């Protein structure tokens, strides 16, 4: 068991469970006197090959991600050191890759995300991260 976590990653989307994971991450970060990394990945993995359509979808996804980040950053207390990262691609792969690259100690995330199909699979992104992350993962319901 790790004595403390110093580099904490919270993966968020616009879901209520992600918001609860974010709130839990604030508390865990505070208890451990750690640095919080907030990662939001716009899922562009499924896009087709039509350049104009892809460009429009990516722009909309970035706008939505920016709104999520903005609403969450308002909730961060001043005593919490944090870094916000907005990316696009395959969320499950990006979360694991970011955790590896930044030597993250702990990942927090919601049990399910925004997609109805994902909810049927009990959070396919969460399951992937739990099984492939280089560190501990806390799943928040």
N, C-alpha and C. Protein backbone atom coordinates (compact mmCIF):
# COMPACT_ATOMS: atom_id res chain seq x y z
N UNK A 1 0.84 -1.18 0.00
CA UNK A 1 0.00 0.00 0.00
C UNK A 1 0.89 1.25 0.00
N UNK A 2 0.54 2.18 -0.85
CA UNK A 2 1.28 3.44 -0.91
C UNK A 2 0.97 4.27 0.32
N UNK A 3 2.00 4.89 0.86
CA UNK A 3 1.81 5.73 2.03
C UNK A 3 1.11 7.04 1.67
N UNK A 4 1.45 7.59 0.51
CA UNK A 4 0.77 8.80 0.04
C UNK A 4 0.86 8.87 -1.48
N UNK A 5 -0.04 9.64 -2.03
CA UNK A 5 -0.09 9.87 -3.48
C UNK A 5 0.31 11.32 -3.72
N UNK A 6 1.24 11.54 -4.64
CA UNK A 6 1.71 12.90 -4.92
C UNK A 6 1.27 13.43 -6.28
N UNK A 7 0.93 12.53 -7.19
CA UNK A 7 0.53 12.92 -8.54
C UNK A 7 -0.80 12.22 -8.83
N UNK A 8 -1.89 12.97 -8.74
CA UNK A 8 -3.23 12.40 -8.84
C UNK A 8 -3.90 12.89 -10.12
N UNK A 9 -4.44 11.95 -10.87
CA UNK A 9 -5.12 12.25 -12.12
C UNK A 9 -6.60 11.97 -11.96
N UNK A 10 -7.43 12.92 -12.34
CA UNK A 10 -8.87 12.69 -12.40
C UNK A 10 -9.30 12.85 -13.85
N UNK A 11 -9.93 11.82 -14.38
CA UNK A 11 -10.43 11.83 -15.75
C UNK A 11 -11.91 12.22 -15.69
N UNK A 12 -12.27 13.27 -16.43
CA UNK A 12 -13.63 13.77 -16.35
C UNK A 12 -14.28 13.87 -17.73
N UNK A 13 -15.60 13.84 -17.70
CA UNK A 13 -16.43 14.16 -18.86
C UNK A 13 -17.60 14.96 -18.30
N UNK A 14 -18.70 15.03 -19.00
CA UNK A 14 -19.82 15.83 -18.52
C UNK A 14 -20.80 15.05 -17.65
N UNK A 15 -20.46 13.82 -17.26
CA UNK A 15 -21.37 13.00 -16.47
C UNK A 15 -21.37 13.37 -15.00
N UNK A 16 -22.45 13.02 -14.31
CA UNK A 16 -22.56 13.27 -12.88
C UNK A 16 -21.53 12.44 -12.10
N UNK A 17 -21.26 11.22 -12.55
CA UNK A 17 -20.26 10.40 -11.86
C UNK A 17 -18.87 11.01 -11.99
N UNK A 18 -18.56 11.61 -13.12
CA UNK A 18 -17.27 12.28 -13.28
C UNK A 18 -17.17 13.47 -12.33
N UNK A 19 -18.27 14.17 -12.14
CA UNK A 19 -18.27 15.30 -11.20
C UNK A 19 -18.02 14.81 -9.78
N UNK A 20 -18.62 13.68 -9.42
CA UNK A 20 -18.37 13.12 -8.08
C UNK A 20 -16.93 12.65 -7.95
N UNK A 21 -16.37 12.07 -9.01
CA UNK A 21 -14.96 11.66 -8.99
C UNK A 21 -14.07 12.88 -8.83
N UNK A 22 -14.43 13.98 -9.48
CA UNK A 22 -13.68 15.22 -9.37
C UNK A 22 -13.69 15.74 -7.93
N UNK A 23 -14.86 15.73 -7.30
CA UNK A 23 -14.96 16.19 -5.91
C UNK A 23 -14.14 15.29 -4.97
N UNK A 24 -14.17 14.00 -5.21
CA UNK A 24 -13.37 13.06 -4.42
C UNK A 24 -11.88 13.33 -4.65
N UNK A 25 -11.50 13.61 -5.88
CA UNK A 25 -10.10 13.89 -6.22
C UNK A 25 -9.59 15.12 -5.48
N UNK A 26 -10.43 16.13 -5.34
CA UNK A 26 -10.05 17.33 -4.59
C UNK A 26 -9.68 16.95 -3.16
N UNK A 27 -10.53 16.13 -2.54
CA UNK A 27 -10.28 15.73 -1.14
C UNK A 27 -9.04 14.85 -1.01
N UNK A 28 -8.87 13.91 -1.92
CA UNK A 28 -7.70 13.03 -1.87
C UNK A 28 -6.43 13.85 -2.10
N UNK A 29 -6.49 14.79 -3.02
CA UNK A 29 -5.35 15.67 -3.29
C UNK A 29 -4.99 16.47 -2.05
N UNK A 30 -5.98 17.00 -1.40
CA UNK A 30 -5.75 17.80 -0.19
C UNK A 30 -5.14 16.93 0.93
N UNK A 31 -5.71 15.76 1.16
CA UNK A 31 -5.19 14.87 2.22
C UNK A 31 -3.75 14.45 1.99
N UNK A 32 -3.36 14.34 0.74
CA UNK A 32 -2.02 13.88 0.40
C UNK A 32 -1.06 15.02 0.06
N UNK A 33 -1.52 16.24 0.14
CA UNK A 33 -0.71 17.40 -0.24
C UNK A 33 -0.07 17.14 -1.61
N UNK A 34 -0.91 16.81 -2.56
CA UNK A 34 -0.47 16.35 -3.88
C UNK A 34 -0.76 17.38 -4.96
N UNK A 35 -0.40 17.03 -6.19
CA UNK A 35 -0.72 17.84 -7.37
C UNK A 35 -1.82 17.12 -8.13
N UNK A 36 -2.86 17.83 -8.51
CA UNK A 36 -4.00 17.26 -9.21
C UNK A 36 -3.91 17.55 -10.71
N UNK A 37 -4.04 16.51 -11.51
CA UNK A 37 -4.08 16.62 -12.96
C UNK A 37 -5.52 16.33 -13.38
N UNK A 38 -6.13 17.26 -14.09
CA UNK A 38 -7.50 17.10 -14.57
C UNK A 38 -7.44 16.85 -16.06
N UNK A 39 -7.91 15.68 -16.49
CA UNK A 39 -7.83 15.29 -17.90
C UNK A 39 -9.23 15.09 -18.46
N UNK A 40 -9.49 15.78 -19.57
CA UNK A 40 -10.73 15.54 -20.31
C UNK A 40 -10.34 15.23 -21.74
N UNK A 41 -10.87 14.10 -22.23
CA UNK A 41 -10.54 13.64 -23.58
C UNK A 41 -11.82 13.60 -24.40
N UNK A 42 -11.86 14.39 -25.46
CA UNK A 42 -12.98 14.36 -26.39
C UNK A 42 -12.84 13.11 -27.24
N UNK A 43 -13.86 12.27 -27.24
CA UNK A 43 -13.80 11.00 -27.96
C UNK A 43 -13.97 11.23 -29.46
N UNK A 44 -12.84 11.25 -30.16
CA UNK A 44 -12.86 11.40 -31.62
C UNK A 44 -12.43 10.11 -32.30
N UNK A 45 -12.37 9.05 -31.55
CA UNK A 45 -11.91 7.76 -32.04
C UNK A 45 -12.82 7.16 -33.11
N UNK A 46 -14.08 7.48 -33.06
CA UNK A 46 -15.08 6.87 -33.94
C UNK A 46 -15.38 7.69 -35.21
N UNK A 47 -14.69 8.78 -35.40
CA UNK A 47 -15.01 9.66 -36.52
C UNK A 47 -14.66 9.04 -37.87
N UNK A 48 -15.46 9.37 -38.86
CA UNK A 48 -15.23 8.86 -40.22
C UNK A 48 -14.16 9.65 -40.95
N UNK A 49 -14.15 9.53 -42.26
CA UNK A 49 -13.07 10.11 -43.06
C UNK A 49 -13.43 11.43 -43.74
N UNK A 50 -14.64 11.94 -43.60
CA UNK A 50 -15.03 13.19 -44.25
C UNK A 50 -14.39 14.36 -43.51
N UNK A 51 -13.40 15.02 -44.11
CA UNK A 51 -12.62 16.05 -43.41
C UNK A 51 -13.46 17.19 -42.82
N UNK A 52 -14.44 17.70 -43.57
CA UNK A 52 -15.23 18.81 -43.05
C UNK A 52 -16.05 18.37 -41.84
N UNK A 53 -16.68 17.22 -41.95
CA UNK A 53 -17.50 16.71 -40.84
C UNK A 53 -16.63 16.45 -39.62
N UNK A 54 -15.47 15.87 -39.82
CA UNK A 54 -14.55 15.59 -38.71
C UNK A 54 -14.15 16.89 -38.04
N UNK A 55 -13.80 17.88 -38.84
CA UNK A 55 -13.38 19.16 -38.30
C UNK A 55 -14.49 19.79 -37.45
N UNK A 56 -15.72 19.74 -37.93
CA UNK A 56 -16.85 20.31 -37.19
C UNK A 56 -17.10 19.56 -35.89
N UNK A 57 -17.04 18.24 -35.94
CA UNK A 57 -17.26 17.43 -34.74
C UNK A 57 -16.16 17.69 -33.71
N UNK A 58 -14.93 17.78 -34.16
CA UNK A 58 -13.81 18.05 -33.25
C UNK A 58 -13.96 19.42 -32.61
N UNK A 59 -14.35 20.42 -33.40
CA UNK A 59 -14.56 21.77 -32.85
C UNK A 59 -15.65 21.76 -31.79
N UNK A 60 -16.75 21.07 -32.07
CA UNK A 60 -17.84 20.98 -31.10
C UNK A 60 -17.39 20.24 -29.84
N UNK A 61 -16.62 19.18 -30.02
CA UNK A 61 -16.13 18.41 -28.87
C UNK A 61 -15.20 19.25 -28.01
N UNK A 62 -14.34 20.04 -28.64
CA UNK A 62 -13.43 20.92 -27.88
C UNK A 62 -14.20 22.00 -27.14
N UNK A 63 -15.24 22.53 -27.77
CA UNK A 63 -16.07 23.54 -27.12
C UNK A 63 -16.76 22.94 -25.89
N UNK A 64 -17.30 21.73 -26.04
CA UNK A 64 -17.97 21.06 -24.91
C UNK A 64 -16.96 20.74 -23.81
N UNK A 65 -15.78 20.29 -24.19
CA UNK A 65 -14.73 19.98 -23.20
C UNK A 65 -14.33 21.24 -22.45
N UNK A 66 -14.20 22.34 -23.17
CA UNK A 66 -13.86 23.60 -22.53
C UNK A 66 -14.90 24.03 -21.51
N UNK A 67 -16.16 23.82 -21.83
CA UNK A 67 -17.24 24.16 -20.90
C UNK A 67 -17.17 23.30 -19.64
N UNK A 68 -16.87 22.03 -19.80
CA UNK A 68 -16.74 21.13 -18.65
C UNK A 68 -15.59 21.59 -17.77
N UNK A 69 -14.45 21.83 -18.38
CA UNK A 69 -13.26 22.27 -17.64
C UNK A 69 -13.55 23.57 -16.90
N UNK A 70 -14.17 24.51 -17.59
CA UNK A 70 -14.48 25.80 -16.97
C UNK A 70 -15.36 25.63 -15.74
N UNK A 71 -16.39 24.79 -15.84
CA UNK A 71 -17.29 24.59 -14.70
C UNK A 71 -16.58 23.90 -13.54
N UNK A 72 -15.65 23.01 -13.83
CA UNK A 72 -14.92 22.31 -12.76
C UNK A 72 -13.86 23.19 -12.13
N UNK A 73 -13.17 23.97 -12.92
CA UNK A 73 -12.09 24.81 -12.38
C UNK A 73 -12.62 25.83 -11.38
N UNK A 74 -13.88 26.22 -11.54
CA UNK A 74 -14.50 27.13 -10.57
C UNK A 74 -14.60 26.50 -9.18
N UNK A 75 -14.61 25.17 -9.13
CA UNK A 75 -14.78 24.45 -7.87
C UNK A 75 -13.47 24.10 -7.18
N UNK A 76 -12.34 24.40 -7.81
CA UNK A 76 -11.05 24.03 -7.23
C UNK A 76 -10.63 25.07 -6.19
N UNK A 77 -10.44 24.61 -4.95
CA UNK A 77 -9.97 25.54 -3.92
C UNK A 77 -8.58 26.08 -4.25
N UNK A 78 -8.27 27.25 -3.75
CA UNK A 78 -6.99 27.89 -4.05
C UNK A 78 -5.80 27.10 -3.54
N UNK A 79 -5.98 26.28 -2.50
CA UNK A 79 -4.85 25.54 -1.93
C UNK A 79 -4.51 24.26 -2.71
N UNK A 80 -5.23 23.98 -3.79
CA UNK A 80 -4.99 22.78 -4.58
C UNK A 80 -4.19 23.14 -5.84
N UNK A 81 -2.96 22.62 -5.92
CA UNK A 81 -2.16 22.81 -7.13
C UNK A 81 -2.71 21.89 -8.20
N UNK A 82 -2.91 22.43 -9.41
CA UNK A 82 -3.51 21.59 -10.45
C UNK A 82 -3.03 21.97 -11.84
N UNK A 83 -3.18 21.01 -12.74
CA UNK A 83 -2.90 21.19 -14.15
C UNK A 83 -4.10 20.63 -14.91
N UNK A 84 -4.59 21.36 -15.90
CA UNK A 84 -5.72 20.91 -16.70
C UNK A 84 -5.24 20.56 -18.10
N UNK A 85 -5.66 19.39 -18.58
CA UNK A 85 -5.27 18.92 -19.90
C UNK A 85 -6.54 18.59 -20.68
N UNK A 86 -6.67 19.16 -21.87
CA UNK A 86 -7.77 18.82 -22.78
C UNK A 86 -7.13 18.19 -24.01
N UNK A 87 -7.62 17.00 -24.36
CA UNK A 87 -7.05 16.25 -25.47
C UNK A 87 -8.19 15.62 -26.26
N UNK A 88 -7.88 15.04 -27.39
CA UNK A 88 -8.88 14.29 -28.12
C UNK A 88 -8.28 12.97 -28.60
N UNK A 89 -9.17 12.04 -28.92
CA UNK A 89 -8.73 10.71 -29.32
C UNK A 89 -9.56 9.67 -28.61
N UNK A 90 -8.94 8.55 -28.33
CA UNK A 90 -9.60 7.44 -27.62
C UNK A 90 -9.42 7.67 -26.12
N UNK A 91 -10.48 7.99 -25.37
CA UNK A 91 -10.33 8.33 -23.95
C UNK A 91 -9.61 7.27 -23.13
N UNK A 92 -9.98 6.01 -23.30
CA UNK A 92 -9.35 4.98 -22.46
C UNK A 92 -7.85 4.89 -22.71
N UNK A 93 -7.43 4.96 -23.95
CA UNK A 93 -6.01 4.89 -24.27
C UNK A 93 -5.28 6.15 -23.80
N UNK A 94 -5.91 7.31 -23.97
CA UNK A 94 -5.28 8.57 -23.57
C UNK A 94 -5.08 8.65 -22.05
N UNK A 95 -6.05 8.17 -21.29
CA UNK A 95 -5.94 8.20 -19.83
C UNK A 95 -4.76 7.35 -19.37
N UNK A 96 -4.67 6.14 -19.89
CA UNK A 96 -3.58 5.24 -19.51
C UNK A 96 -2.23 5.81 -19.96
N UNK A 97 -2.17 6.31 -21.19
CA UNK A 97 -0.91 6.86 -21.71
C UNK A 97 -0.47 8.08 -20.89
N UNK A 98 -1.41 8.94 -20.55
CA UNK A 98 -1.06 10.12 -19.76
C UNK A 98 -0.54 9.71 -18.38
N UNK A 99 -1.19 8.73 -17.78
CA UNK A 99 -0.74 8.25 -16.46
C UNK A 99 0.68 7.70 -16.53
N UNK A 100 0.99 6.99 -17.61
CA UNK A 100 2.34 6.44 -17.79
C UNK A 100 3.35 7.57 -18.00
N UNK A 101 3.04 8.49 -18.89
CA UNK A 101 3.96 9.58 -19.24
C UNK A 101 4.26 10.49 -18.04
N UNK A 102 3.26 10.78 -17.26
CA UNK A 102 3.41 11.73 -16.15
C UNK A 102 3.70 11.05 -14.81
N UNK A 103 3.88 9.73 -14.84
CA UNK A 103 4.17 8.97 -13.61
C UNK A 103 3.14 9.25 -12.50
N UNK A 104 1.89 9.13 -12.89
CA UNK A 104 0.76 9.36 -11.98
C UNK A 104 0.73 8.25 -10.94
N UNK A 105 0.42 8.62 -9.68
CA UNK A 105 0.34 7.65 -8.58
C UNK A 105 -1.06 7.06 -8.42
N UNK A 106 -2.09 7.85 -8.75
CA UNK A 106 -3.47 7.45 -8.53
C UNK A 106 -4.36 8.09 -9.58
N UNK A 107 -5.26 7.31 -10.15
CA UNK A 107 -6.26 7.82 -11.09
C UNK A 107 -7.62 7.71 -10.41
N UNK A 108 -8.42 8.76 -10.49
CA UNK A 108 -9.80 8.72 -10.04
C UNK A 108 -10.69 8.93 -11.24
N UNK A 109 -11.78 8.18 -11.30
CA UNK A 109 -12.74 8.35 -12.38
C UNK A 109 -14.08 7.77 -11.99
N UNK A 110 -15.13 8.21 -12.68
CA UNK A 110 -16.46 7.69 -12.42
C UNK A 110 -16.61 6.28 -12.94
N UNK A 111 -17.57 5.57 -12.38
CA UNK A 111 -17.81 4.19 -12.79
C UNK A 111 -18.31 4.10 -14.22
N UNK A 112 -19.09 5.08 -14.64
CA UNK A 112 -19.57 5.14 -16.03
C UNK A 112 -19.48 6.56 -16.51
N UNK A 113 -19.55 6.72 -17.83
CA UNK A 113 -19.45 8.05 -18.42
C UNK A 113 -20.75 8.51 -19.00
N UNK A 114 -20.66 9.28 -20.07
CA UNK A 114 -21.84 9.91 -20.64
C UNK A 114 -22.57 9.03 -21.65
N UNK A 115 -21.92 8.06 -22.23
CA UNK A 115 -22.54 7.26 -23.29
C UNK A 115 -23.48 6.19 -22.76
N UNK A 116 -24.66 6.07 -23.37
CA UNK A 116 -25.63 5.06 -22.97
C UNK A 116 -25.05 3.67 -23.17
N UNK A 117 -24.39 3.45 -24.30
CA UNK A 117 -23.80 2.14 -24.56
C UNK A 117 -22.73 1.81 -23.52
N UNK A 118 -21.95 2.80 -23.15
CA UNK A 118 -20.92 2.59 -22.12
C UNK A 118 -21.54 2.19 -20.80
N UNK A 119 -22.68 2.78 -20.47
CA UNK A 119 -23.35 2.42 -19.22
C UNK A 119 -23.79 0.96 -19.24
N UNK A 120 -24.21 0.47 -20.40
CA UNK A 120 -24.61 -0.93 -20.50
C UNK A 120 -23.43 -1.85 -20.23
N UNK A 121 -22.24 -1.39 -20.57
CA UNK A 121 -21.03 -2.19 -20.35
C UNK A 121 -20.40 -1.90 -18.99
N UNK A 122 -21.14 -1.24 -18.11
CA UNK A 122 -20.64 -0.87 -16.78
C UNK A 122 -19.37 -0.05 -16.88
N UNK A 123 -19.33 0.84 -17.82
CA UNK A 123 -18.19 1.74 -17.93
C UNK A 123 -17.01 1.10 -18.62
N UNK A 124 -17.09 0.93 -19.92
CA UNK A 124 -16.01 0.27 -20.66
C UNK A 124 -14.70 1.04 -20.55
N UNK A 125 -14.75 2.37 -20.52
CA UNK A 125 -13.52 3.15 -20.37
C UNK A 125 -12.92 2.89 -18.99
N UNK A 126 -13.76 2.91 -17.96
CA UNK A 126 -13.29 2.66 -16.60
C UNK A 126 -12.69 1.26 -16.49
N UNK A 127 -13.36 0.27 -17.05
CA UNK A 127 -12.84 -1.11 -16.98
C UNK A 127 -11.48 -1.20 -17.67
N UNK A 128 -11.33 -0.56 -18.80
CA UNK A 128 -10.06 -0.58 -19.52
C UNK A 128 -8.96 0.06 -18.67
N UNK A 129 -9.25 1.22 -18.08
CA UNK A 129 -8.26 1.92 -17.27
C UNK A 129 -7.88 1.08 -16.06
N UNK A 130 -8.85 0.51 -15.39
CA UNK A 130 -8.57 -0.34 -14.22
C UNK A 130 -7.63 -1.47 -14.59
N UNK A 131 -7.85 -2.07 -15.74
CA UNK A 131 -7.05 -3.23 -16.16
C UNK A 131 -5.71 -2.89 -16.80
N UNK A 132 -5.50 -1.64 -17.20
CA UNK A 132 -4.28 -1.29 -17.93
C UNK A 132 -3.45 -0.16 -17.33
N UNK A 133 -3.95 0.50 -16.31
CA UNK A 133 -3.24 1.64 -15.72
C UNK A 133 -1.96 1.18 -15.02
N UNK A 134 -0.95 2.04 -15.03
CA UNK A 134 0.31 1.72 -14.37
C UNK A 134 0.29 2.01 -12.86
N UNK A 135 -0.88 2.40 -12.35
CA UNK A 135 -0.99 2.80 -10.94
C UNK A 135 -2.35 2.37 -10.41
N UNK A 136 -2.62 2.69 -9.17
CA UNK A 136 -3.91 2.40 -8.58
C UNK A 136 -4.99 3.27 -9.23
N UNK A 137 -6.21 2.72 -9.27
CA UNK A 137 -7.35 3.45 -9.83
C UNK A 137 -8.47 3.41 -8.80
N UNK A 138 -9.01 4.58 -8.49
CA UNK A 138 -10.16 4.67 -7.59
C UNK A 138 -11.39 4.96 -8.43
N UNK A 139 -12.36 4.06 -8.37
CA UNK A 139 -13.60 4.22 -9.14
C UNK A 139 -14.65 4.79 -8.19
N UNK A 140 -15.22 5.93 -8.60
CA UNK A 140 -16.19 6.63 -7.78
C UNK A 140 -17.58 6.41 -8.35
N UNK A 141 -18.49 5.98 -7.51
CA UNK A 141 -19.88 5.75 -7.95
C UNK A 141 -20.72 6.98 -7.71
